[in-house]
Amino acid sequence: MRAHTEDCVLESPLAGEVTGRAPVEKVYRAFITSFPDLTIDNPELLIDGDRVVQTVTFSGTNSGGFMGMAPTGRRFSFAAVLICTMREGQIAHERRIYDFTGFLLEIGALKAKPA
């Protein structure tokens, strides 16, 4: 969490908008608890002044439960784009863009309606 400013803002499909280092840390801890084998691969950075864009692939297994549901044991992998504004070498604002519905389908937290 040292990478984030005290007054940082995180926006994501999962967490909504969260402000402050401690609440952002809580989001990170909850995700890692749900997916203890979480990996972040293929990071690609684009830096322009105080703006950083990173593309990543998140992968893991729902072995810790998620959003109050029991663990499904199902794996997931999804691409995400992280758009950050930096201040004095720390993340002041981070916006995460990814397919949240697809992620929920992969881990079995959401069922697709048959066509």
N, C-alpha and C. Protein backbone atom coordinates (compact mmCIF):
# COMPACT_ATOMS: atom_id res chain seq x y z
N MET A 1 0.81 -1.19 0.00
CA MET A 1 0.00 0.00 0.00
C MET A 1 0.86 1.26 0.00
N ARG A 2 2.14 1.08 0.19
CA ARG A 2 3.02 2.25 0.16
C ARG A 2 3.06 2.89 -1.21
N ALA A 3 2.57 2.19 -2.23
CA ALA A 3 2.54 2.74 -3.58
C ALA A 3 1.41 3.74 -3.76
N HIS A 4 0.49 3.82 -2.78
CA HIS A 4 -0.68 4.70 -2.88
C HIS A 4 -0.55 5.88 -1.92
N THR A 5 -1.08 7.03 -2.34
CA THR A 5 -1.12 8.20 -1.46
C THR A 5 -2.15 7.96 -0.36
N GLU A 6 -2.05 8.70 0.73
CA GLU A 6 -3.01 8.57 1.84
C GLU A 6 -4.44 8.85 1.38
N ASP A 7 -4.60 9.79 0.43
CA ASP A 7 -5.93 10.17 -0.03
C ASP A 7 -6.28 9.57 -1.39
N CYS A 8 -5.67 8.44 -1.72
CA CYS A 8 -5.85 7.82 -3.03
C CYS A 8 -7.32 7.46 -3.28
N VAL A 9 -7.64 7.33 -4.57
CA VAL A 9 -8.97 6.91 -5.00
C VAL A 9 -8.81 5.71 -5.91
N LEU A 10 -9.60 4.67 -5.67
CA LEU A 10 -9.62 3.48 -6.52
C LEU A 10 -11.03 3.35 -7.09
N GLU A 11 -11.12 3.19 -8.41
CA GLU A 11 -12.39 2.94 -9.07
C GLU A 11 -12.28 1.59 -9.78
N SER A 12 -13.23 0.69 -9.52
CA SER A 12 -13.22 -0.59 -10.21
C SER A 12 -14.63 -1.15 -10.26
N PRO A 13 -14.91 -2.04 -11.24
CA PRO A 13 -16.22 -2.67 -11.30
C PRO A 13 -16.57 -3.43 -10.02
N LEU A 14 -15.59 -4.02 -9.38
CA LEU A 14 -15.82 -4.80 -8.15
C LEU A 14 -16.03 -3.91 -6.94
N ALA A 15 -15.15 -2.96 -6.71
CA ALA A 15 -15.15 -2.17 -5.48
C ALA A 15 -15.97 -0.89 -5.57
N GLY A 16 -16.32 -0.47 -6.77
CA GLY A 16 -16.94 0.84 -6.92
C GLY A 16 -15.87 1.89 -6.76
N GLU A 17 -16.18 2.98 -6.06
CA GLU A 17 -15.19 4.01 -5.80
C GLU A 17 -14.83 4.00 -4.32
N VAL A 18 -13.55 3.84 -4.04
CA VAL A 18 -13.05 3.75 -2.67
C VAL A 18 -11.99 4.84 -2.49
N THR A 19 -12.06 5.55 -1.38
CA THR A 19 -11.13 6.66 -1.13
C THR A 19 -10.35 6.40 0.16
N GLY A 20 -9.03 6.58 0.08
CA GLY A 20 -8.16 6.45 1.25
C GLY A 20 -7.35 5.17 1.21
N ARG A 21 -6.13 5.27 1.72
CA ARG A 21 -5.22 4.13 1.69
C ARG A 21 -5.76 2.91 2.43
N ALA A 22 -6.30 3.10 3.64
CA ALA A 22 -6.80 1.96 4.42
C ALA A 22 -7.99 1.27 3.73
N PRO A 23 -9.00 2.01 3.22
CA PRO A 23 -10.08 1.33 2.50
C PRO A 23 -9.62 0.63 1.22
N VAL A 24 -8.65 1.21 0.51
CA VAL A 24 -8.12 0.57 -0.69
C VAL A 24 -7.39 -0.72 -0.30
N GLU A 25 -6.64 -0.67 0.79
CA GLU A 25 -5.97 -1.88 1.27
C GLU A 25 -6.98 -2.97 1.60
N LYS A 26 -8.11 -2.60 2.16
CA LYS A 26 -9.17 -3.56 2.48
C LYS A 26 -9.68 -4.25 1.20
N VAL A 27 -9.80 -3.50 0.12
CA VAL A 27 -10.22 -4.08 -1.17
C VAL A 27 -9.18 -5.11 -1.64
N TYR A 28 -7.90 -4.73 -1.57
CA TYR A 28 -6.82 -5.64 -1.97
C TYR A 28 -6.86 -6.92 -1.12
N ARG A 29 -6.96 -6.76 0.19
CA ARG A 29 -6.95 -7.92 1.10
C ARG A 29 -8.13 -8.85 0.84
N ALA A 30 -9.31 -8.29 0.61
CA ALA A 30 -10.50 -9.12 0.35
C ALA A 30 -10.31 -9.93 -0.93
N PHE A 31 -9.73 -9.32 -1.96
CA PHE A 31 -9.54 -10.03 -3.23
C PHE A 31 -8.50 -11.14 -3.07
N ILE A 32 -7.42 -10.85 -2.35
CA ILE A 32 -6.37 -11.85 -2.14
C ILE A 32 -6.88 -12.98 -1.25
N THR A 33 -7.75 -12.68 -0.29
CA THR A 33 -8.34 -13.71 0.55
C THR A 33 -9.23 -14.64 -0.28
N SER A 34 -9.99 -14.06 -1.21
CA SER A 34 -10.86 -14.86 -2.07
C SER A 34 -10.06 -15.71 -3.07
N PHE A 35 -8.95 -15.15 -3.53
CA PHE A 35 -8.15 -15.79 -4.57
C PHE A 35 -6.68 -15.80 -4.15
N PRO A 36 -6.32 -16.67 -3.18
CA PRO A 36 -4.96 -16.63 -2.61
C PRO A 36 -3.85 -16.96 -3.61
N ASP A 37 -4.18 -17.61 -4.72
CA ASP A 37 -3.16 -17.91 -5.73
C ASP A 37 -3.14 -16.87 -6.85
N LEU A 38 -3.67 -15.69 -6.59
CA LEU A 38 -3.75 -14.62 -7.58
C LEU A 38 -2.39 -14.35 -8.23
N THR A 39 -2.39 -14.27 -9.54
CA THR A 39 -1.20 -13.85 -10.27
C THR A 39 -1.56 -12.70 -11.20
N ILE A 40 -0.58 -11.85 -11.45
CA ILE A 40 -0.74 -10.73 -12.36
C ILE A 40 0.37 -10.86 -13.39
N ASP A 41 -0.02 -11.11 -14.63
CA ASP A 41 0.95 -11.39 -15.69
C ASP A 41 0.88 -10.36 -16.80
N ASN A 42 1.90 -10.41 -17.65
CA ASN A 42 2.00 -9.63 -18.87
C ASN A 42 1.85 -8.13 -18.67
N PRO A 43 2.47 -7.59 -17.63
CA PRO A 43 2.31 -6.15 -17.43
C PRO A 43 2.99 -5.37 -18.55
N GLU A 44 2.26 -4.45 -19.10
CA GLU A 44 2.80 -3.56 -20.12
C GLU A 44 2.49 -2.14 -19.67
N LEU A 45 3.50 -1.29 -19.64
CA LEU A 45 3.34 0.07 -19.15
C LEU A 45 3.45 1.10 -20.25
N LEU A 46 2.62 2.12 -20.14
CA LEU A 46 2.73 3.31 -20.97
C LEU A 46 2.75 4.48 -20.00
N ILE A 47 3.82 5.26 -20.02
CA ILE A 47 3.98 6.37 -19.07
C ILE A 47 4.04 7.67 -19.85
N ASP A 48 3.22 8.64 -19.41
CA ASP A 48 3.20 9.97 -20.01
C ASP A 48 3.05 11.00 -18.89
N GLY A 49 4.16 11.54 -18.46
CA GLY A 49 4.13 12.50 -17.36
C GLY A 49 3.67 11.84 -16.08
N ASP A 50 2.58 12.35 -15.50
CA ASP A 50 2.07 11.78 -14.25
C ASP A 50 0.99 10.73 -14.48
N ARG A 51 0.82 10.31 -15.73
CA ARG A 51 -0.19 9.30 -16.07
C ARG A 51 0.49 8.00 -16.45
N VAL A 52 -0.06 6.88 -15.94
CA VAL A 52 0.46 5.55 -16.23
C VAL A 52 -0.71 4.66 -16.63
N VAL A 53 -0.55 3.97 -17.73
CA VAL A 53 -1.54 2.98 -18.15
C VAL A 53 -0.83 1.63 -18.16
N GLN A 54 -1.44 0.66 -17.51
CA GLN A 54 -0.85 -0.68 -17.44
C GLN A 54 -1.90 -1.69 -17.88
N THR A 55 -1.51 -2.58 -18.79
CA THR A 55 -2.37 -3.69 -19.16
C THR A 55 -1.84 -4.93 -18.46
N VAL A 56 -2.74 -5.71 -17.87
CA VAL A 56 -2.35 -6.90 -17.11
C VAL A 56 -3.37 -8.01 -17.35
N THR A 57 -2.98 -9.22 -16.95
CA THR A 57 -3.91 -10.35 -16.92
C THR A 57 -3.93 -10.88 -15.49
N PHE A 58 -5.10 -10.83 -14.88
CA PHE A 58 -5.30 -11.39 -13.53
C PHE A 58 -5.76 -12.83 -13.69
N SER A 59 -5.19 -13.74 -12.88
CA SER A 59 -5.59 -15.15 -12.89
C SER A 59 -5.60 -15.67 -11.47
N GLY A 60 -6.42 -16.67 -11.22
CA GLY A 60 -6.46 -17.27 -9.90
C GLY A 60 -7.57 -18.30 -9.79
N THR A 61 -7.76 -18.79 -8.58
CA THR A 61 -8.77 -19.81 -8.29
C THR A 61 -9.64 -19.32 -7.14
N ASN A 62 -10.94 -19.49 -7.28
CA ASN A 62 -11.86 -19.09 -6.21
C ASN A 62 -11.82 -20.15 -5.11
N SER A 63 -10.78 -20.08 -4.29
CA SER A 63 -10.62 -21.06 -3.21
C SER A 63 -10.89 -20.45 -1.84
N GLY A 64 -11.15 -19.15 -1.78
CA GLY A 64 -11.41 -18.50 -0.50
C GLY A 64 -12.81 -17.94 -0.38
N GLY A 65 -13.68 -18.29 -1.32
CA GLY A 65 -15.03 -17.72 -1.31
C GLY A 65 -14.98 -16.32 -1.90
N PHE A 66 -16.14 -15.78 -2.22
CA PHE A 66 -16.18 -14.46 -2.86
C PHE A 66 -17.52 -13.81 -2.61
N MET A 67 -17.49 -12.57 -2.14
CA MET A 67 -18.70 -11.79 -1.91
C MET A 67 -19.72 -12.55 -1.06
N GLY A 68 -19.23 -13.23 -0.03
CA GLY A 68 -20.11 -13.96 0.87
C GLY A 68 -20.53 -15.34 0.39
N MET A 69 -20.08 -15.75 -0.77
CA MET A 69 -20.42 -17.07 -1.31
C MET A 69 -19.31 -18.06 -1.01
N ALA A 70 -19.67 -19.32 -0.95
CA ALA A 70 -18.70 -20.39 -0.70
C ALA A 70 -17.74 -20.49 -1.88
N PRO A 71 -16.52 -20.97 -1.65
CA PRO A 71 -15.56 -21.17 -2.74
C PRO A 71 -16.12 -22.13 -3.78
N THR A 72 -15.86 -21.82 -5.05
CA THR A 72 -16.31 -22.71 -6.13
C THR A 72 -15.18 -23.58 -6.64
N GLY A 73 -13.93 -23.23 -6.34
CA GLY A 73 -12.80 -23.98 -6.86
C GLY A 73 -12.53 -23.72 -8.33
N ARG A 74 -13.26 -22.78 -8.92
CA ARG A 74 -13.10 -22.50 -10.35
C ARG A 74 -12.04 -21.45 -10.60
N ARG A 75 -11.31 -21.64 -11.70
CA ARG A 75 -10.26 -20.70 -12.09
C ARG A 75 -10.82 -19.58 -12.94
N PHE A 76 -10.11 -18.48 -12.96
CA PHE A 76 -10.46 -17.35 -13.82
C PHE A 76 -9.20 -16.76 -14.42
N SER A 77 -9.38 -16.05 -15.49
CA SER A 77 -8.31 -15.29 -16.11
C SER A 77 -8.97 -14.18 -16.93
N PHE A 78 -8.60 -12.94 -16.65
CA PHE A 78 -9.17 -11.84 -17.43
C PHE A 78 -8.15 -10.73 -17.60
N ALA A 79 -8.28 -10.04 -18.73
CA ALA A 79 -7.42 -8.91 -19.02
C ALA A 79 -8.02 -7.66 -18.38
N ALA A 80 -7.14 -6.76 -17.95
CA ALA A 80 -7.58 -5.51 -17.35
C ALA A 80 -6.66 -4.38 -17.78
N VAL A 81 -7.21 -3.18 -17.74
CA VAL A 81 -6.43 -1.98 -17.98
C VAL A 81 -6.50 -1.15 -16.71
N LEU A 82 -5.34 -0.74 -16.22
CA LEU A 82 -5.25 0.09 -15.02
C LEU A 82 -4.75 1.47 -15.45
N ILE A 83 -5.55 2.49 -15.19
CA ILE A 83 -5.19 3.85 -15.56
C ILE A 83 -4.92 4.61 -14.26
N CYS A 84 -3.69 5.08 -14.10
CA CYS A 84 -3.29 5.71 -12.84
C CYS A 84 -2.80 7.13 -13.05
N THR A 85 -3.10 7.97 -12.07
CA THR A 85 -2.51 9.30 -11.97
C THR A 85 -1.57 9.26 -10.77
N MET A 86 -0.34 9.67 -10.99
CA MET A 86 0.69 9.61 -9.97
C MET A 86 0.88 10.99 -9.32
N ARG A 87 1.28 10.96 -8.05
CA ARG A 87 1.65 12.18 -7.36
C ARG A 87 2.85 11.87 -6.48
N GLU A 88 3.96 12.52 -6.74
CA GLU A 88 5.20 12.32 -5.97
C GLU A 88 5.58 10.85 -5.89
N GLY A 89 5.45 10.14 -7.02
CA GLY A 89 5.88 8.75 -7.10
C GLY A 89 4.90 7.74 -6.53
N GLN A 90 3.70 8.19 -6.14
CA GLN A 90 2.69 7.28 -5.60
C GLN A 90 1.41 7.39 -6.42
N ILE A 91 0.57 6.35 -6.33
CA ILE A 91 -0.70 6.33 -7.05
C ILE A 91 -1.71 7.19 -6.29
N ALA A 92 -2.19 8.25 -6.94
CA ALA A 92 -3.20 9.12 -6.35
C ALA A 92 -4.60 8.70 -6.79
N HIS A 93 -4.69 8.19 -8.01
CA HIS A 93 -5.99 7.76 -8.55
C HIS A 93 -5.75 6.56 -9.45
N GLU A 94 -6.56 5.52 -9.29
CA GLU A 94 -6.45 4.32 -10.13
C GLU A 94 -7.85 3.92 -10.60
N ARG A 95 -7.98 3.76 -11.89
CA ARG A 95 -9.23 3.27 -12.47
C ARG A 95 -8.94 1.95 -13.16
N ARG A 96 -9.71 0.91 -12.79
CA ARG A 96 -9.53 -0.42 -13.37
C ARG A 96 -10.68 -0.71 -14.32
N ILE A 97 -10.35 -1.20 -15.49
CA ILE A 97 -11.36 -1.52 -16.49
C ILE A 97 -11.21 -2.99 -16.86
N TYR A 98 -12.30 -3.76 -16.68
CA TYR A 98 -12.31 -5.17 -17.05
C TYR A 98 -13.75 -5.66 -17.13
N ASP A 99 -13.93 -6.86 -17.67
CA ASP A 99 -15.24 -7.47 -17.84
C ASP A 99 -15.65 -8.16 -16.54
N PHE A 100 -16.35 -7.44 -15.68
CA PHE A 100 -16.74 -7.97 -14.38
C PHE A 100 -17.75 -9.11 -14.51
N THR A 101 -18.69 -8.97 -15.43
CA THR A 101 -19.69 -10.02 -15.63
C THR A 101 -19.03 -11.31 -16.10
N GLY A 102 -18.10 -11.21 -17.03
CA GLY A 102 -17.37 -12.38 -17.50
C GLY A 102 -16.59 -13.05 -16.38
N PHE A 103 -15.99 -12.24 -15.51
CA PHE A 103 -15.25 -12.74 -14.35
C PHE A 103 -16.20 -13.52 -13.43
N LEU A 104 -17.38 -12.98 -13.13
CA LEU A 104 -18.35 -13.66 -12.26
C LEU A 104 -18.81 -14.98 -12.87
N LEU A 105 -18.98 -15.01 -14.19
CA LEU A 105 -19.35 -16.26 -14.87
C LEU A 105 -18.24 -17.29 -14.73
N GLU A 106 -17.01 -16.87 -14.93
CA GLU A 106 -15.87 -17.81 -14.85
C GLU A 106 -15.74 -18.47 -13.49
N ILE A 107 -15.94 -17.70 -12.42
CA ILE A 107 -15.74 -18.28 -11.08
C ILE A 107 -17.00 -18.98 -10.56
N GLY A 108 -18.08 -18.93 -11.34
CA GLY A 108 -19.30 -19.62 -10.95
C GLY A 108 -20.18 -18.83 -9.99
N ALA A 109 -19.92 -17.54 -9.84
CA ALA A 109 -20.75 -16.70 -8.96
C ALA A 109 -21.99 -16.22 -9.67
N LEU A 110 -22.01 -16.34 -10.99
CA LEU A 110 -23.14 -15.91 -11.80
C LEU A 110 -23.38 -16.99 -12.84
N LYS A 111 -24.61 -17.32 -13.07
CA LYS A 111 -24.97 -18.34 -14.05
C LYS A 111 -25.50 -17.68 -15.30
N ALA A 112 -25.08 -18.14 -16.45
CA ALA A 112 -25.57 -17.63 -17.72
C ALA A 112 -26.93 -18.26 -18.02
N LYS A 113 -27.82 -17.46 -18.53
CA LYS A 113 -29.14 -17.93 -18.90
C LYS A 113 -29.03 -18.63 -20.26
N PRO A 114 -29.54 -19.87 -20.38
CA PRO A 114 -29.44 -20.56 -21.67
C PRO A 114 -30.18 -19.79 -22.77
N ALA A 115 -29.64 -19.86 -23.96
CA ALA A 115 -30.25 -19.13 -25.11
C ALA A 115 -31.48 -19.84 -25.61
